[in-house]
Amino acid sequence: MLSKDDCQDLYEKHAPGAFRRARRMLGNTADADDVVHDVFLALFEDYERFRGESLVSTYVYGAVTHACLNRLRNQRKRRDLAAQHVSEPRVDPGGAAESAAMLRDLLTRLPEPLCDVAVYHYLDELSQREISGLLGCSHTHVGALIARLTQWISMQEVASCRA
């Protein structure tokens, strides 16, 4: 169990980066605050889950990424349920907001293995080597995942053109 001072030190050191990550992925401050709070609370309550196989910053970065992806999926499910029961007019955002919304929508539909790669490659603009370090696999495997991701996106574009 971590002492109160250890928790405070970890939070002060890693929360700002975790928050920026969450806000960038989720597109709003309130959800980002919730995710960061939840991630650190889970870390402090069960610090043994962190096995020291990576840096704490890497662990937090991954935990925030997964928590954001789960939140996006849950939001998508709620929107789908609401659409079945309530008709709501759609708002057409413009510019960067539209791109960010499209990326968040894409992340809610991507197959699980490709979500992390999409975030690291498109949102964070990391190299294949950097992504391989985060995922713990070869950069060749990351290249194959990026190729699958590109193919999946192309298939989605074709499907949306037909609709």
Foldseek 3Di string as FASTA:
>chain_A
DDDPVVLVVVCVVQVVVLLVLLCLLQVDNVVSVVLSVVLSVVCVVCVVVCVVPDDVNLVSNVSSLVSSLVVLLVVVVVVVVCVVPPDDDDDDDDDPVNVSVVLSVVSNPDDVVLNLLCCCCPVVVDQLVVSCVSVVHDSVVSVVSVVVVVVVVVVVVVVVVVD
